[in-house]
């Protein structure tokens, strides 16, 4: 059994913006990803449990990393959180 190890093929739909989208759509996509990362960090600040804080901060970091990698992979026209 061969398994596709490319993480971009396992990403949730909508996380990566396609190259065929308009510039306005791409800008809105970048803003939405940035807002999601900022929201996760803000929610982490409200948590009393250090493990809960770590999980939310880790999720925000992971989302930012995936967005950064997708930007590099697409040649710079996708999210830049």
Protein backbone atom coordinates (compact mmCIF):
# COMPACT_ATOMS: atom_id res chain seq x y z
CA UNK A 1 0.00 0.00 0.00
CA UNK A 2 1.44 3.33 -1.01
CA UNK A 3 0.46 6.37 0.95
CA UNK A 4 0.75 9.91 -0.33
CA UNK A 5 3.01 11.66 2.17
CA UNK A 6 2.54 15.15 0.73
CA UNK A 7 0.91 17.16 3.56
CA UNK A 8 -0.75 19.53 1.08
CA UNK A 9 -2.97 16.73 -0.19
CA UNK A 10 -4.35 16.21 3.33
CA UNK A 11 -5.19 19.82 4.14
CA UNK A 12 -8.77 20.82 4.86
CA UNK A 13 -10.57 22.31 1.89
CA UNK A 14 -10.24 26.09 1.76
CA UNK A 15 -6.94 26.35 3.57
CA UNK A 16 -4.95 26.91 0.40
CA UNK A 17 -6.09 29.51 -2.09
CA UNK A 18 -5.91 28.41 -5.71
CA UNK A 19 -3.89 30.32 -8.29
CA UNK A 20 -6.96 30.84 -10.47
CA UNK A 21 -8.60 33.14 -7.90
CA UNK A 22 -8.78 36.91 -8.28
CA UNK A 23 -6.42 39.23 -6.43
CA UNK A 24 -9.28 40.45 -4.23
CA UNK A 25 -10.19 36.89 -3.30
CA UNK A 26 -6.54 36.12 -2.43
CA UNK A 27 -6.31 39.24 -0.27
CA UNK A 28 -9.48 38.25 1.58
CA UNK A 29 -8.12 34.75 2.05
CA UNK A 30 -4.89 36.13 3.55
CA UNK A 31 -6.86 38.39 5.89
CA UNK A 32 -9.05 35.47 7.00
CA UNK A 33 -6.05 33.26 7.78
CA UNK A 34 -4.35 36.06 9.68
CA UNK A 35 -7.55 36.67 11.63
CA UNK A 36 -7.79 32.95 12.45
CA UNK A 37 -4.22 32.86 13.75
CA UNK A 38 -4.75 36.03 15.79
CA UNK A 39 -8.03 34.66 17.20
CA UNK A 40 -6.37 31.41 18.27
CA UNK A 41 -3.59 33.34 20.05
CA UNK A 42 -6.14 35.61 21.74
CA UNK A 43 -8.18 32.62 22.91
CA UNK A 44 -5.02 31.03 24.26
CA UNK A 45 -4.41 34.11 26.40
CA UNK A 46 -7.79 33.66 28.09
CA UNK A 47 -7.08 30.06 29.12
CA UNK A 48 -6.17 29.23 32.71
CA UNK A 49 -4.80 25.81 31.87
CA UNK A 50 -1.22 25.94 30.51
CA UNK A 51 -1.86 22.85 28.37
CA UNK A 52 -4.91 24.45 26.78
CA UNK A 53 -2.85 27.57 26.06
CA UNK A 54 -0.11 25.45 24.51
CA UNK A 55 -2.57 23.58 22.31
CA UNK A 56 -4.17 26.75 20.95
CA UNK A 57 -0.81 28.43 20.38
CA UNK A 58 0.42 25.30 18.65
CA UNK A 59 -2.65 25.26 16.40
CA UNK A 60 -2.09 28.91 15.49
CA UNK A 61 1.56 28.23 14.76
CA UNK A 62 0.70 25.20 12.62
CA UNK A 63 -1.86 27.18 10.65
CA UNK A 64 0.70 29.91 10.02
CA UNK A 65 3.33 27.38 8.93
CA UNK A 66 0.98 25.70 6.48
CA UNK A 67 -0.05 29.08 5.07
CA UNK A 68 3.60 30.11 4.70
CA UNK A 69 4.52 26.84 2.98
CA UNK A 70 1.57 27.13 0.61
CA UNK A 71 2.70 30.63 -0.29
CA UNK A 72 6.21 29.43 -1.07
CA UNK A 73 4.92 26.44 -2.99
CA UNK A 74 2.64 28.59 -5.15
CA UNK A 75 5.28 31.18 -5.91
CA UNK A 76 4.24 33.85 -3.47
CA UNK A 77 0.61 34.53 -4.37
CA UNK A 78 -1.08 32.82 -1.41
CA UNK A 79 -1.38 33.57 2.32
CA UNK A 80 1.31 35.37 4.26
CA UNK A 81 0.33 35.34 7.96
